[in-house]
């Protein structure tokens, strides 16, 4: 409602459009025509004056919803003219319809003015046309009719306000769902970028460090691996951003831009880690073909992040082991490194602090809880069990 008490319809939108609904103007025209025919008959409209008053009383109802106050004013003026001329017509009922419309749609001050004016007209009509000795009964009956009309209009006003509130709530809920979907998508992209870019840069840094100590005969091989790792990182970044394109001239051997990495690409991942200086052994038990692609991507990213952390934090000479077990209804992932004592810690950049948090979010999406912590004999262990078929 506005400050003056008017109820205004909400803005047009997908939730406010009702298919198959009769246009208001057509419905009101049908109402006016029906009332005109019902109140028009022998002995009711005696001459041209009566017919003109009949028309003036009923015709404005066609525009009652578009201009409720103007409609009421015109009908009230016609009713007063009818009273002055002494022509009694059943079409006076149009004034009650107009009052109900004003009550339902107009500001509160206009409602009170229309109700008082209609009640005054009811008293005047009872005084002029009530049978002798029946003034009070006639006035009471007409007052009751005025009250019922006003109450019906007030009820329509409340229902319209409740419907507008429901529609507004649905609009807010829809907007909230869309906002959450956008936030979830942004978080997913952020995780993808963190995992792929951090992994690629960590491997490139490790290979670049090794290049400084490599023999000339091995330098070209190390340089090729740096270039291949950089291309793979760019591919993963494009995929994470949804900017998938056909393979270009910078695509590496076996590069597949159309499908996300999964369990089948873990061997290539371990080879890159091996080349970067982290000896890695991979073991995959069970059949991975039936596991959903989204779950396989999660397994790949969990292993990738775990190995990247081992490459960054474990001393040189450390060894890592990856074990993936695919059983009916679940996938388990375990990544360990021995953190070999006496080794020299690798130079590199500090982590972003988002690694473990992102891994836990990925695991939770498939009903898993990530376990990460130091091993009793030294080193680090990451373990998670996923249930791909129970994920939303």
Protein backbone atom coordinates (compact mmCIF):
# COMPACT_ATOMS: atom_id res chain seq x y z
CA UNK A 1 0.00 0.00 0.00
CA UNK A 2 1.05 3.58 -0.58
CA UNK A 3 1.07 6.27 2.11
CA UNK A 4 -2.48 7.19 1.15
CA UNK A 5 -3.68 3.62 1.43
CA UNK A 6 -3.95 2.72 -2.23
CA UNK A 7 -3.06 -0.77 -3.32
CA UNK A 8 -0.99 -0.71 -6.47
CA UNK A 9 -0.38 -3.77 -8.59
CA UNK A 10 3.20 -4.99 -8.76
CA UNK A 11 5.35 -4.55 -11.84
CA UNK A 12 4.55 -6.81 -14.73
CA UNK A 13 6.70 -9.90 -14.87
CA UNK A 14 6.78 -13.60 -15.50
CA UNK A 15 5.14 -14.34 -12.15
CA UNK A 16 2.31 -11.82 -12.56
CA UNK A 17 1.11 -12.91 -16.00
CA UNK A 18 -1.71 -15.44 -15.89
CA UNK A 19 -2.24 -17.23 -19.22
CA UNK A 20 -5.84 -17.42 -20.43
CA UNK A 21 -7.13 -14.68 -18.12
CA UNK A 22 -9.98 -12.49 -19.48
CA UNK A 23 -8.82 -8.88 -19.99
CA UNK A 24 -10.24 -6.62 -17.23
CA UNK A 25 -11.87 -4.22 -19.69
CA UNK A 26 -13.74 -7.06 -21.41
CA UNK A 27 -14.87 -8.53 -18.09
CA UNK A 28 -16.14 -5.15 -16.90
CA UNK A 29 -17.94 -4.53 -20.19
CA UNK A 30 -19.69 -7.89 -19.79
CA UNK A 31 -20.68 -6.97 -16.23
CA UNK A 32 -22.11 -3.62 -17.36
CA UNK A 33 -24.05 -5.25 -20.19
CA UNK A 34 -25.49 -7.91 -17.87
CA UNK A 35 -26.55 -5.35 -15.27
CA UNK A 36 -28.10 -3.16 -17.97
CA UNK A 37 -30.19 -6.04 -19.36
CA UNK A 38 -31.24 -7.34 -15.94
CA UNK A 39 -32.45 -3.92 -14.77
CA UNK A 40 -34.05 -3.02 -18.11
CA UNK A 41 -37.64 -4.18 -18.55
CA UNK A 42 -41.31 -3.23 -18.81
CA UNK A 43 -42.31 -0.64 -16.24
CA UNK A 44 -38.72 0.10 -15.24
CA UNK A 45 -37.66 2.55 -17.96
CA UNK A 46 -40.74 4.48 -19.00
CA UNK A 47 -39.32 7.07 -21.39
CA UNK A 48 -36.20 8.47 -22.98
CA UNK A 49 -35.23 10.17 -19.72
CA UNK A 50 -35.32 6.86 -17.88
CA UNK A 51 -33.30 5.17 -20.63
CA UNK A 52 -30.68 7.92 -20.50
CA UNK A 53 -30.42 7.61 -16.72
CA UNK A 54 -30.21 3.83 -17.02
CA UNK A 55 -27.31 4.19 -19.44
CA UNK A 56 -25.57 6.83 -17.30
CA UNK A 57 -25.82 4.57 -14.25
CA UNK A 58 -24.48 1.37 -15.87
CA UNK A 59 -22.17 2.34 -18.74
CA UNK A 60 -19.35 3.83 -16.57
CA UNK A 61 -18.81 0.39 -15.00
CA UNK A 62 -16.86 -0.56 -18.12
CA UNK A 63 -13.98 1.59 -16.81
CA UNK A 64 -14.42 0.86 -13.10
CA UNK A 65 -10.96 -0.76 -12.68
CA UNK A 66 -9.09 1.69 -14.87
CA UNK A 67 -10.57 4.76 -13.10
CA UNK A 68 -12.48 3.68 -9.98
CA UNK A 69 -12.94 7.17 -8.49
CA UNK A 70 -14.03 8.79 -11.75
CA UNK A 71 -16.44 5.90 -12.39
CA UNK A 72 -17.97 6.29 -8.94
CA UNK A 73 -18.29 10.06 -9.38
CA UNK A 74 -20.15 9.72 -12.70
CA UNK A 75 -22.53 7.05 -11.37
CA UNK A 76 -23.15 9.04 -8.17
CA UNK A 77 -23.98 12.12 -10.25
CA UNK A 78 -26.40 10.09 -12.38
CA UNK A 79 -28.01 8.64 -9.24
CA UNK A 80 -28.45 12.12 -7.76
CA UNK A 81 -30.02 13.35 -11.01
CA UNK A 82 -32.34 10.36 -10.92
CA UNK A 83 -33.33 11.25 -7.34
CA UNK A 84 -33.99 14.88 -8.31
CA UNK A 85 -36.18 13.80 -11.23
CA UNK A 86 -38.02 11.27 -9.11
CA UNK A 87 -37.25 8.36 -11.43
CA UNK A 88 -36.76 5.14 -9.47
CA UNK A 89 -34.57 2.61 -11.31
CA UNK A 90 -33.15 -0.79 -10.25
CA UNK A 91 -29.94 0.23 -12.01
CA UNK A 92 -29.06 2.09 -8.80
CA UNK A 93 -27.27 -1.16 -7.91
CA UNK A 94 -24.44 0.10 -10.15
CA UNK A 95 -23.59 2.58 -7.37
CA UNK A 96 -22.94 -0.33 -4.98
CA UNK A 97 -20.66 -2.00 -7.56
CA UNK A 98 -18.76 1.27 -7.98
CA UNK A 99 -18.43 1.62 -4.18
CA UNK A 100 -16.99 -1.89 -3.92
CA UNK A 101 -14.47 -1.08 -6.65
CA UNK A 102 -13.38 2.14 -4.94
CA UNK A 103 -12.97 0.24 -1.64
CA UNK A 104 -10.83 -2.38 -3.36
CA UNK A 105 -8.62 -0.07 -5.42
CA UNK A 106 -8.67 3.57 -4.37
CA UNK A 107 -6.78 5.39 -1.57
CA UNK A 108 -8.26 5.21 1.93
CA UNK A 109 -9.52 8.82 1.94
CA UNK A 110 -11.46 8.21 -1.27
CA UNK A 111 -12.96 5.04 0.23
CA UNK A 112 -14.34 6.90 3.22
CA UNK A 113 -15.71 9.71 1.05
CA UNK A 114 -17.39 7.24 -1.33
CA UNK A 115 -18.88 5.24 1.55
CA UNK A 116 -20.32 8.34 3.25
CA UNK A 117 -21.72 9.64 -0.05
CA UNK A 118 -23.34 6.30 -0.82
CA UNK A 119 -24.86 6.10 2.66
CA UNK A 120 -26.25 9.61 2.24
CA UNK A 121 -27.79 8.56 -1.05
CA UNK A 122 -29.32 5.48 0.63
CA UNK A 123 -30.96 7.66 3.31
CA UNK A 124 -32.28 10.10 0.68
CA UNK A 125 -33.64 7.22 -1.41
CA UNK A 126 -35.38 5.70 1.61
CA UNK A 127 -36.85 9.08 2.52
CA UNK A 128 -38.29 9.55 -0.98
CA UNK A 129 -39.35 6.08 -2.06
CA UNK A 130 -39.92 4.05 1.10
CA UNK A 131 -43.56 3.04 1.76
CA UNK A 132 -45.32 5.01 4.42
CA UNK A 133 -44.17 4.00 7.87
CA UNK A 134 -41.28 1.92 6.45
CA UNK A 135 -38.56 4.56 6.35
CA UNK A 136 -36.41 3.04 9.07
CA UNK A 137 -36.67 -0.47 7.65
CA UNK A 138 -35.85 0.75 4.14
CA UNK A 139 -32.95 2.88 5.37
CA UNK A 140 -31.58 -0.05 7.40
CA UNK A 141 -31.82 -2.41 4.40
CA UNK A 142 -30.05 0.06 2.12
CA UNK A 143 -27.38 0.73 4.78
CA UNK A 144 -26.78 -3.01 5.05
CA UNK A 145 -26.38 -3.18 1.27
CA UNK A 146 -23.83 -0.34 1.41
CA UNK A 147 -21.94 -2.08 4.21
CA UNK A 148 -21.87 -5.42 2.35
CA UNK A 149 -20.58 -3.70 -0.79
CA UNK A 150 -17.83 -1.97 1.17
CA UNK A 151 -16.89 -5.20 2.97
CA UNK A 152 -16.69 -7.12 -0.30
CA UNK A 153 -14.42 -4.42 -1.69
CA UNK A 154 -12.25 -4.49 1.43
CA UNK A 155 -11.98 -8.28 1.15
CA UNK A 156 -10.92 -7.98 -2.48
CA UNK A 157 -8.36 -5.35 -1.44
CA UNK A 158 -6.89 -7.68 1.20
CA UNK A 159 -6.76 -10.61 -1.22
CA UNK A 160 -5.06 -8.49 -3.88
CA UNK A 161 -2.51 -7.26 -1.34
CA UNK A 162 -1.85 -10.84 -0.17
CA UNK A 163 -1.45 -12.02 -3.74
CA UNK A 164 0.95 -9.16 -4.49
CA UNK A 165 2.96 -10.11 -1.39
CA UNK A 166 3.08 -13.76 -2.47
CA UNK A 167 4.26 -12.76 -5.91
CA UNK A 168 6.87 -10.44 -4.43
CA UNK A 169 8.04 -13.24 -2.13
CA UNK A 170 8.29 -15.62 -5.09
CA UNK A 171 10.28 -12.99 -6.98
CA UNK A 172 12.62 -12.57 -3.99
CA UNK A 173 13.03 -16.34 -3.63
CA UNK A 174 13.79 -16.67 -7.32
CA UNK A 175 16.33 -13.84 -7.15
CA UNK A 176 17.91 -15.44 -4.08
CA UNK A 177 18.19 -18.80 -5.84
CA UNK A 178 19.76 -17.12 -8.85
CA UNK A 179 22.18 -15.22 -6.60
CA UNK A 180 23.20 -18.41 -4.82
CA UNK A 181 23.64 -20.21 -8.12
CA UNK A 182 25.93 -17.41 -9.31
CA UNK A 183 27.93 -17.53 -6.08
CA UNK A 184 28.26 -21.31 -6.28
CA UNK A 185 29.39 -21.06 -9.89
CA UNK A 186 31.95 -18.40 -8.96
CA UNK A 187 33.22 -20.58 -6.11
CA UNK A 188 33.47 -23.57 -8.47
CA UNK A 189 35.43 -21.56 -11.01
CA UNK A 190 37.68 -20.20 -8.25
CA UNK A 191 38.43 -23.74 -7.08
CA UNK A 192 39.17 -24.88 -10.63
CA UNK A 193 41.47 -21.94 -11.24
CA UNK A 194 43.23 -22.42 -7.91
CA UNK A 195 43.81 -26.12 -8.50
CA UNK A 196 44.90 -25.92 -12.13
CA UNK A 197 46.93 -22.71 -12.03
CA UNK A 198 48.62 -23.45 -8.69
CA UNK A 199 49.55 -26.93 -9.83
CA UNK A 200 50.88 -25.71 -13.18
CA UNK A 201 52.92 -22.89 -11.67
CA UNK A 202 54.33 -25.14 -8.95
CA UNK A 203 55.50 -27.68 -11.51
CA UNK A 204 56.94 -24.93 -13.74
CA UNK A 205 58.84 -23.43 -10.79
CA UNK A 206 60.23 -26.82 -9.84
CA UNK A 207 61.28 -27.55 -13.42
CA UNK A 208 62.83 -24.10 -13.77
CA UNK A 209 64.87 -24.72 -10.61
CA UNK A 210 65.99 -28.05 -12.01
CA UNK A 211 66.93 -26.40 -15.31
CA UNK A 212 69.62 -24.38 -13.56
CA UNK A 213 71.34 -27.58 -12.44
CA UNK A 214 70.63 -29.72 -15.48
CA UNK A 215 73.28 -30.91 -17.88
CA UNK A 216 73.20 -29.29 -21.30
CA UNK A 217 72.06 -32.58 -22.81
CA UNK A 218 69.01 -32.63 -20.49
CA UNK A 219 68.16 -28.92 -20.72
CA UNK A 220 66.06 -29.26 -23.85
CA UNK A 221 63.97 -32.02 -22.26
CA UNK A 222 63.34 -29.92 -19.13
CA UNK A 223 62.43 -26.90 -21.27
CA UNK A 224 59.96 -29.02 -23.26
CA UNK A 225 58.32 -30.20 -20.06
CA UNK A 226 58.01 -26.59 -18.85
CA UNK A 227 56.29 -25.63 -22.09
CA UNK A 228 54.00 -28.65 -21.95
CA UNK A 229 53.04 -27.92 -18.34
CA UNK A 230 52.32 -24.28 -19.21
CA UNK A 231 50.08 -25.30 -22.12
CA UNK A 232 48.21 -27.73 -19.90
CA UNK A 233 47.68 -25.01 -17.28
CA UNK A 234 46.30 -22.66 -19.94
CA UNK A 235 43.96 -25.40 -21.17
CA UNK A 236 42.69 -26.07 -17.65
CA UNK A 237 42.16 -22.36 -17.07
CA UNK A 238 40.13 -21.99 -20.26
CA UNK A 239 38.05 -24.99 -19.28
CA UNK A 240 37.44 -23.61 -15.80
CA UNK A 241 36.25 -20.31 -17.23
CA UNK A 242 33.97 -22.06 -19.67
CA UNK A 243 35.87 -20.65 -22.66
CA UNK A 244 36.24 -23.96 -24.43
CA UNK A 245 37.53 -23.77 -27.98
CA UNK A 246 38.76 -26.21 -30.53
CA UNK A 247 42.29 -27.37 -30.00
CA UNK A 248 44.70 -24.73 -31.25
CA UNK A 249 48.37 -24.73 -32.18
CA UNK A 250 49.35 -24.45 -28.50
CA UNK A 251 47.64 -27.71 -27.57
CA UNK A 252 49.95 -30.34 -26.19
CA UNK A 253 50.04 -33.98 -27.26
CA UNK A 254 46.90 -35.81 -26.27
CA UNK A 255 45.31 -32.57 -25.12
CA UNK A 256 41.53 -32.85 -24.86
CA UNK A 257 39.74 -29.54 -24.35
CA UNK A 258 36.28 -31.00 -24.67
CA UNK A 259 36.18 -33.23 -21.59
CA UNK A 260 37.33 -32.55 -18.04
CA UNK A 261 40.21 -34.57 -16.64
CA UNK A 262 39.35 -37.69 -14.68
CA UNK A 263 40.84 -40.83 -13.22
CA UNK A 264 42.22 -41.83 -16.62
CA UNK A 265 44.46 -38.73 -16.66
CA UNK A 266 46.04 -39.44 -13.26
CA UNK A 267 48.94 -41.30 -14.89
CA UNK A 268 49.88 -38.23 -16.95
CA UNK A 269 49.57 -36.08 -13.83
CA UNK A 270 51.94 -38.34 -11.91
CA UNK A 271 54.40 -38.26 -14.79
CA UNK A 272 54.47 -34.47 -14.65
CA UNK A 273 55.09 -34.58 -10.93
CA UNK A 274 57.87 -37.09 -11.48
CA UNK A 275 59.49 -34.79 -14.02
CA UNK A 276 59.20 -31.90 -11.56
CA UNK A 277 61.20 -33.85 -8.99
CA UNK A 278 58.56 -35.61 -6.88
CA UNK A 279 58.82 -39.37 -7.33
CA UNK A 280 55.20 -40.53 -7.56
CA UNK A 281 53.66 -43.99 -7.69
CA UNK A 282 50.06 -44.48 -8.83
CA UNK A 283 47.73 -47.35 -8.03
CA UNK A 284 44.16 -47.52 -9.37
CA UNK A 285 42.04 -50.47 -8.26
CA UNK A 286 38.61 -51.21 -9.63
CA UNK A 287 36.70 -50.04 -12.69
CA UNK A 288 36.44 -46.26 -13.16
CA UNK A 289 34.31 -46.29 -16.31
CA UNK A 290 30.98 -46.16 -14.46
CA UNK A 291 31.91 -43.24 -12.20
CA UNK A 292 30.23 -39.91 -13.15
CA UNK A 293 32.45 -37.38 -14.90
CA UNK A 294 31.94 -34.78 -12.15
CA UNK A 295 33.15 -37.25 -9.52
CA UNK A 296 36.15 -38.21 -11.65
CA UNK A 297 37.04 -34.53 -12.00
CA UNK A 298 36.85 -34.21 -8.20
CA UNK A 299 39.18 -37.21 -7.76
CA UNK A 300 41.63 -35.73 -10.26
CA UNK A 301 41.61 -32.31 -8.55
CA UNK A 302 42.04 -33.83 -5.09
CA UNK A 303 45.06 -35.82 -6.24
CA UNK A 304 46.43 -32.83 -8.13
CA UNK A 305 46.17 -30.50 -5.15
CA UNK A 306 47.63 -33.09 -2.78
CA UNK A 307 50.64 -33.72 -5.03
CA UNK A 308 51.11 -29.99 -5.58
CA UNK A 309 51.24 -29.46 -1.82
CA UNK A 310 53.75 -32.30 -1.51
CA UNK A 311 55.88 -30.80 -4.28
CA UNK A 312 55.80 -27.41 -2.59
CA UNK A 313 56.31 -28.43 1.04
CA UNK A 314 58.02 -31.83 1.18
CA UNK A 315 61.85 -31.92 1.18
CA UNK A 316 63.72 -32.89 -1.96
CA UNK A 317 64.00 -36.62 -2.38
CA UNK A 318 60.55 -37.26 -0.96
CA UNK A 319 58.32 -39.86 -2.54
CA UNK A 320 54.56 -39.72 -3.00
CA UNK A 321 52.05 -42.47 -3.45
CA UNK A 322 48.55 -42.17 -4.91
CA UNK A 323 46.00 -44.90 -4.42
CA UNK A 324 42.50 -44.76 -5.90
CA UNK A 325 40.05 -47.56 -5.16
CA UNK A 326 36.77 -47.78 -7.10
CA UNK A 327 34.20 -50.02 -5.42
CA UNK A 328 30.46 -50.29 -6.00
CA UNK A 329 28.89 -47.11 -4.69
CA UNK A 330 32.05 -45.29 -3.62
CA UNK A 331 35.53 -44.09 -4.54
CA UNK A 332 38.37 -43.75 -2.05
CA UNK A 333 41.42 -41.56 -2.61
CA UNK A 334 44.60 -41.66 -0.55
CA UNK A 335 47.68 -39.55 -1.25
CA UNK A 336 50.73 -39.83 0.98
CA UNK A 337 54.30 -38.57 0.94
CA UNK A 338 57.13 -39.80 3.11
CA UNK A 339 58.58 -36.34 3.83
CA UNK A 340 62.00 -37.99 3.82
CA UNK A 341 64.15 -36.64 6.61
CA UNK A 342 67.47 -35.03 5.77
CA UNK A 343 66.34 -33.71 2.44
CA UNK A 344 66.63 -30.09 1.41
CA UNK A 345 63.33 -28.23 1.36
CA UNK A 346 62.43 -27.02 -2.11
CA UNK A 347 62.39 -23.28 -2.76
CA UNK A 348 59.02 -21.97 -3.87
CA UNK A 349 56.18 -19.67 -3.13
CA UNK A 350 53.92 -19.93 -0.13
CA UNK A 351 50.50 -21.46 -0.52
CA UNK A 352 47.32 -19.43 -0.85
CA UNK A 353 45.64 -20.99 2.16
CA UNK A 354 42.69 -22.07 -0.03
CA UNK A 355 44.02 -25.52 -0.92
CA UNK A 356 42.66 -27.63 1.93
CA UNK A 357 39.46 -25.57 2.15
CA UNK A 358 38.80 -26.10 -1.55
CA UNK A 359 39.53 -29.82 -1.23
CA UNK A 360 37.06 -30.13 1.64
CA UNK A 361 34.39 -28.33 -0.40
CA UNK A 362 34.96 -30.68 -3.33
CA UNK A 363 34.74 -33.73 -1.09
CA UNK A 364 31.60 -32.48 0.65
CA UNK A 365 29.86 -32.10 -2.71
CA UNK A 366 29.98 -35.91 -3.02
CA UNK A 367 29.19 -36.77 0.58
CA UNK A 368 32.82 -37.12 1.62
CA UNK A 369 34.83 -35.78 4.55
CA UNK A 370 38.48 -34.98 3.89
CA UNK A 371 41.11 -36.26 6.31
CA UNK A 372 44.46 -34.47 6.05
CA UNK A 373 47.34 -34.44 8.48
CA UNK A 374 50.89 -35.56 9.28
CA UNK A 375 51.80 -39.24 9.31
CA UNK A 376 53.25 -40.81 12.46
CA UNK A 377 56.51 -41.72 10.73
CA UNK A 378 56.87 -38.41 8.91
CA UNK A 379 55.29 -36.98 5.83
CA UNK A 380 51.65 -36.13 5.05
CA UNK A 381 48.48 -38.07 4.30
CA UNK A 382 45.27 -37.06 2.56
CA UNK A 383 42.32 -39.46 2.53
CA UNK A 384 38.73 -39.11 1.36
CA UNK A 385 35.84 -41.40 0.49
CA UNK A 386 33.36 -40.15 -2.10
CA UNK A 387 29.85 -41.33 -2.82
CA UNK A 388 29.24 -40.04 -6.37
CA UNK A 389 25.74 -41.52 -6.70
CA UNK A 390 24.33 -39.72 -3.66
CA UNK A 391 25.45 -36.22 -4.77
CA UNK A 392 22.76 -33.70 -5.82
